[in-house]
Amino acid sequence: GNPELPTAVNITWSSINFKTILQWQPKPSGYFYTVEIHGQTSDTQKKCILTAETECDVTDVLRNVKETYTAHILSVTSSRMDNFEEPPFAVSEKFTPYSQTVLGKPEVQNYTQKGSKLNIVFQDPLTPYTFPNGSFQSIRDIFQHDLEYKLYYWKDQSSGKKDATTKSHTFEVSVDSTKNYCFYIQGIIPSRRENRNGQESMVLCTSVGRGILDEYGAEVFIIIAVIAIAVITLAIVLSVILCKRKKAKAAREKEPLNGV
């Protein structure tokens, strides 16, 4: 005779570098949620049993990253977990980590601009998954030859971008040795239909041969020049005034005293 429990709505998968969070609504009142992860070829696994939250970290049950999964979010009361009656549940859309997780930001370790060459060394984002020795796997360890990186670079204070691609951890591109350059990097999975481009790294800029005009612009340079001329002019005027006063004082001291 109990009314049917509400079921989850707005179920979404959020995954970056294979760390995957399942989210849904609404906040439960008087009942709980339990998440079941169903794979096409793997056994069903329960996560976040009797939770009052509306999200669940399911990363550790998605280790077969090329498997396609669905999530069943069960609405349950603690008393109903032990009986054989199937609780009401909602089903998520399908999710395949290998083709849907977002590539995170690569980390630039070092960059130099020497002459007409810009050299950049960067690091792959890490995943939550580990090797048997406990070290974390990178996205390259999982994607291997499917992964490449694209560099976007441009002259500082210019809007015209160039790009280059690599499958390694380095870039070397030809640049104008008299100009500074800004750049960013992002991972790419060309074989994907969606989510091909990863998150962009921080924008960094070189500072080789940067002059005052490049740094601040001609307007600021003109203002500085005007101020410098004004200071020099003021110094000359003050020097002239002080010199005249000194001569006048010396002349007064040489005059004979009245009445002597």
Protein backbone atom coordinates (compact mmCIF):
# COMPACT_ATOMS: atom_id res chain seq x y z
CA GLY A 1 0.00 0.00 0.00
CA ASN A 2 3.04 2.35 0.06
CA PRO A 3 3.16 4.90 -2.75
CA GLU A 4 5.84 4.36 -5.40
CA LEU A 5 9.13 6.09 -4.63
CA PRO A 6 10.30 8.90 -6.96
CA THR A 7 12.95 7.90 -9.50
CA ALA A 8 16.05 9.81 -10.55
CA VAL A 9 15.94 12.30 -13.42
CA ASN A 10 18.54 14.35 -15.34
CA ILE A 11 21.15 11.59 -15.10
CA THR A 12 24.52 12.69 -16.53
CA TRP A 13 28.01 11.23 -16.86
CA SER A 14 30.91 13.61 -16.13
CA SER A 15 34.34 12.22 -17.00
CA ILE A 16 37.78 13.85 -17.33
CA ASN A 17 40.90 11.73 -17.84
CA PHE A 18 38.76 8.66 -16.97
CA LYS A 19 37.73 9.96 -13.54
CA THR A 20 33.97 9.50 -13.90
CA ILE A 21 31.18 10.93 -11.76
CA LEU A 22 27.53 10.02 -12.20
CA GLN A 23 25.07 12.80 -11.25
CA TRP A 24 21.29 13.02 -11.06
CA GLN A 25 18.29 14.70 -9.37
CA PRO A 26 16.32 15.13 -7.10
CA LYS A 27 17.65 15.16 -3.54
CA PRO A 28 15.95 12.24 -1.75
CA SER A 29 13.58 12.73 1.18
CA GLY A 30 12.52 9.67 3.11
CA TYR A 31 14.35 7.26 0.80
CA PHE A 32 17.85 6.54 -0.59
CA TYR A 33 19.58 5.78 -3.87
CA THR A 34 21.74 2.82 -4.84
CA VAL A 35 23.69 2.80 -8.12
CA GLU A 36 24.12 -0.29 -10.27
CA ILE A 37 26.62 -0.24 -13.14
CA HIS A 38 25.75 -2.63 -15.98
CA GLY A 39 28.36 -3.48 -18.61
CA GLN A 40 27.70 -5.23 -21.92
CA THR A 41 30.04 -8.09 -21.02
CA SER A 42 30.85 -7.49 -17.34
CA ASP A 43 28.99 -8.34 -14.16
CA THR A 44 26.67 -5.80 -12.54
CA GLN A 45 28.35 -3.88 -9.73
CA LYS A 46 26.75 -1.81 -6.99
CA LYS A 47 28.12 1.58 -5.95
CA CYS A 48 27.06 4.26 -3.44
CA ILE A 49 24.67 1.90 -1.65
CA LEU A 50 21.88 3.65 0.31
CA THR A 51 23.26 7.11 -0.39
CA ALA A 52 21.42 10.34 0.30
CA GLU A 53 23.66 12.12 -2.23
CA THR A 54 22.88 12.78 -5.89
CA GLU A 55 26.28 11.89 -7.30
CA CYS A 56 28.50 8.84 -7.27
CA ASP A 57 32.15 8.29 -8.23
CA VAL A 58 32.06 5.18 -10.42
CA THR A 59 35.66 5.37 -11.72
CA ASP A 60 36.84 2.12 -10.16
CA VAL A 61 34.08 -0.01 -11.77
CA LEU A 62 34.80 1.32 -15.28
CA ARG A 63 38.31 -0.09 -15.58
CA ASN A 64 37.50 -1.79 -18.87
CA VAL A 65 37.49 1.58 -20.61
CA LYS A 66 36.38 0.22 -23.99
CA GLU A 67 33.27 -1.37 -22.46
CA THR A 68 29.90 0.39 -22.84
CA TYR A 69 28.01 0.89 -19.59
CA THR A 70 24.60 1.98 -18.36
CA ALA A 71 23.74 3.03 -14.82
CA HIS A 72 20.57 2.00 -13.00
CA ILE A 73 19.79 4.38 -10.15
CA LEU A 74 17.53 2.58 -7.71
CA SER A 75 15.21 4.44 -5.35
CA VAL A 76 15.10 2.39 -2.13
CA THR A 77 14.25 2.46 1.55
CA SER A 78 16.57 0.64 3.92
CA SER A 79 13.79 -1.85 4.73
CA ARG A 80 13.31 -2.79 1.08
CA MET A 81 16.93 -3.80 0.46
CA ASP A 82 16.36 -7.25 1.99
CA ASN A 83 13.20 -8.31 0.19
CA PHE A 84 12.94 -9.63 -3.33
CA GLU A 85 10.75 -6.89 -4.73
CA GLU A 86 12.55 -4.91 -7.41
CA PRO A 87 12.70 -1.23 -6.43
CA PRO A 88 11.83 1.50 -8.93
CA PHE A 89 14.84 2.75 -10.89
CA ALA A 90 15.91 5.08 -13.68
CA VAL A 91 18.34 4.17 -16.46
CA SER A 92 21.12 6.43 -17.73
CA GLU A 93 22.26 6.89 -21.29
CA LYS A 94 25.05 4.58 -22.47
CA PHE A 95 28.62 5.60 -21.64
CA THR A 96 31.91 4.35 -23.11
CA PRO A 97 34.91 5.86 -21.26
CA TYR A 98 37.37 5.36 -24.12
CA SER A 99 35.31 7.39 -26.58
CA GLN A 100 33.63 9.84 -24.19
CA THR A 101 35.97 10.86 -21.38
CA VAL A 102 37.31 14.41 -21.85
CA LEU A 103 41.06 14.87 -22.22
CA GLY A 104 42.37 17.12 -19.45
CA LYS A 105 44.89 19.94 -19.67
CA PRO A 106 48.46 18.94 -20.59
CA GLU A 107 51.12 20.46 -18.33
CA VAL A 108 53.94 22.45 -19.95
CA GLN A 109 57.20 21.53 -18.20
CA ASN A 110 59.65 23.74 -20.08
CA TYR A 111 59.79 26.10 -23.06
CA THR A 112 62.58 28.11 -24.67
CA GLN A 113 62.88 30.44 -27.64
CA LYS A 114 66.43 30.40 -29.01
CA GLY A 115 66.99 32.23 -32.25
CA SER A 116 64.33 31.13 -34.72
CA LYS A 117 63.27 28.00 -32.79
CA LEU A 118 60.56 27.65 -30.15
CA ASN A 119 60.99 24.43 -28.15
CA ILE A 120 58.29 23.12 -25.79
CA VAL A 121 58.29 20.08 -23.48
CA PHE A 122 55.02 18.98 -21.88
CA GLN A 123 53.54 16.14 -19.83
CA ASP A 124 50.52 13.87 -20.36
CA PRO A 125 47.60 14.20 -17.92
CA LEU A 126 47.38 11.30 -15.45
CA THR A 127 44.37 9.03 -14.95
CA PRO A 128 43.09 7.56 -11.65
CA TYR A 129 44.10 4.06 -12.83
CA THR A 130 47.40 2.53 -11.70
CA PHE A 131 49.97 -0.01 -12.85
CA PRO A 132 50.71 -3.04 -10.63
CA ASN A 133 53.61 -1.08 -9.08
CA GLY A 134 51.21 1.66 -7.92
CA SER A 135 52.25 4.40 -10.36
CA PHE A 136 49.46 6.21 -12.17
CA GLN A 137 48.73 5.53 -15.82
CA SER A 138 48.71 8.54 -18.14
CA ILE A 139 46.17 9.08 -20.89
CA ARG A 140 48.95 8.08 -23.35
CA ASP A 141 49.26 4.69 -21.63
CA ILE A 142 45.59 4.08 -22.40
CA PHE A 143 45.07 5.78 -25.77
CA GLN A 144 48.56 5.01 -27.13
CA HIS A 145 48.70 5.80 -30.88
CA ASP A 146 45.17 7.22 -30.90
CA LEU A 147 46.44 10.23 -28.94
CA GLU A 148 48.12 13.29 -30.44
CA TYR A 149 48.68 16.87 -29.34
CA LYS A 150 48.17 20.15 -31.16
CA LEU A 151 50.13 23.34 -30.48
CA TYR A 152 48.60 26.74 -31.26
CA TYR A 153 51.09 29.62 -31.30
CA TRP A 154 51.10 33.26 -32.37
CA LYS A 155 53.20 36.42 -32.21
CA ASP A 156 52.67 38.27 -28.95
CA GLN A 157 49.99 41.00 -29.35
CA SER A 158 48.86 39.43 -32.64
CA SER A 159 45.70 37.45 -33.43
CA GLY A 160 47.02 35.28 -36.27
CA LYS A 161 47.49 31.69 -35.03
CA LYS A 162 49.60 28.88 -36.43
CA ASP A 163 49.45 25.24 -35.34
CA ALA A 164 51.58 22.11 -35.24
CA THR A 165 50.86 18.47 -34.30
CA THR A 166 52.92 15.81 -32.54
CA LYS A 167 52.55 12.33 -31.05
CA SER A 168 55.54 12.88 -28.73
CA HIS A 169 56.05 15.07 -25.63
CA THR A 170 57.81 17.90 -27.48
CA PHE A 171 57.28 20.59 -30.08
CA GLU A 172 59.92 22.45 -32.12
CA VAL A 173 58.60 25.15 -34.46
CA SER A 174 60.22 27.94 -36.48
CA VAL A 175 59.50 31.49 -35.32
CA ASP A 176 60.61 35.06 -35.95
CA SER A 177 63.68 35.50 -33.74
CA THR A 178 62.88 39.20 -33.15
CA LYS A 179 59.36 38.57 -31.80
CA ASN A 180 57.94 36.97 -28.67
CA TYR A 181 55.35 34.21 -28.98
CA CYS A 182 52.40 32.94 -26.95
CA PHE A 183 51.02 29.39 -27.14
CA TYR A 184 48.83 26.67 -25.66
CA ILE A 185 48.51 22.89 -26.17
CA GLN A 186 45.58 20.48 -26.20
CA GLY A 187 45.24 16.73 -26.60
CA ILE A 188 43.27 15.33 -29.55
CA ILE A 189 41.77 11.92 -30.40
CA PRO A 190 41.32 12.18 -34.21
CA SER A 191 39.40 8.90 -34.42
CA ARG A 192 36.54 10.21 -32.26
CA ARG A 193 33.31 11.58 -33.67
CA GLU A 194 32.67 13.67 -30.53
CA ASN A 195 34.92 15.07 -27.80
CA ARG A 196 37.86 15.04 -30.21
CA ASN A 197 39.57 18.08 -28.65
CA GLY A 198 40.72 18.10 -25.03
CA GLN A 199 41.00 20.94 -22.56
CA GLU A 200 43.48 23.71 -23.41
CA SER A 201 46.64 24.16 -21.37
CA MET A 202 47.54 27.46 -19.74
CA VAL A 203 48.56 30.17 -22.23
CA LEU A 204 52.28 30.94 -21.87
CA CYS A 205 54.45 33.56 -23.59
CA THR A 206 58.17 33.85 -24.26
CA SER A 207 60.09 36.97 -23.24
CA VAL A 208 63.16 36.93 -25.48
CA GLY A 209 64.28 40.31 -26.85
CA ARG A 210 61.27 42.15 -25.53
CA GLY A 211 61.93 45.89 -25.72
CA ILE A 212 60.17 48.80 -24.08
CA LEU A 213 58.11 49.48 -27.20
CA ASP A 214 57.03 45.82 -27.40
CA GLU A 215 56.25 45.66 -23.70
CA TYR A 216 54.36 48.89 -23.19
CA GLY A 217 53.57 50.37 -26.59
CA ALA A 218 54.61 53.63 -28.25
CA GLU A 219 52.13 55.76 -26.27
CA VAL A 220 53.68 54.92 -22.92
CA PHE A 221 57.16 55.48 -24.35
CA ILE A 222 56.14 58.98 -25.51
CA ILE A 223 54.71 59.79 -22.07
CA ILE A 224 57.95 58.70 -20.43
CA ALA A 225 59.96 60.87 -22.86
CA VAL A 226 57.75 63.93 -22.14
CA ILE A 227 58.15 63.43 -18.38
CA ALA A 228 61.92 63.07 -18.77
CA ILE A 229 62.13 66.31 -20.78
CA ALA A 230 60.01 68.11 -18.18
CA VAL A 231 62.25 66.90 -15.36
CA ILE A 232 65.40 67.97 -17.22
CA THR A 233 63.87 71.40 -18.02
CA LEU A 234 62.85 71.90 -14.38
CA ALA A 235 66.34 70.96 -13.21
CA ILE A 236 67.89 73.52 -15.58
CA VAL A 237 65.47 76.27 -14.48
CA LEU A 238 66.16 75.57 -10.79
CA SER A 239 69.91 75.60 -11.43
CA VAL A 240 69.67 78.98 -13.15
CA ILE A 241 67.56 80.46 -10.31
CA LEU A 242 69.93 79.14 -7.63
CA CYS A 243 72.94 80.46 -9.54
CA LYS A 244 71.41 83.97 -9.84
CA ARG A 245 70.54 84.03 -6.14
CA LYS A 246 74.07 83.00 -5.24
CA LYS A 247 75.59 85.78 -7.37
CA ALA A 248 73.18 88.37 -5.90
CA LYS A 249 74.09 87.33 -2.36
CA ALA A 250 77.81 87.57 -3.14
CA ALA A 251 77.34 91.07 -4.58
CA ARG A 252 75.52 92.27 -1.44
CA GLU A 253 78.28 90.96 0.78
CA LYS A 254 80.89 93.01 -1.13
CA GLU A 255 79.02 96.36 -0.68
CA PRO A 256 80.56 98.71 2.05
CA LEU A 257 78.52 99.08 5.22
CA ASN A 258 76.56 102.40 5.50
CA GLY A 259 77.94 104.97 7.97
CA VAL A 260 81.45 103.52 8.18
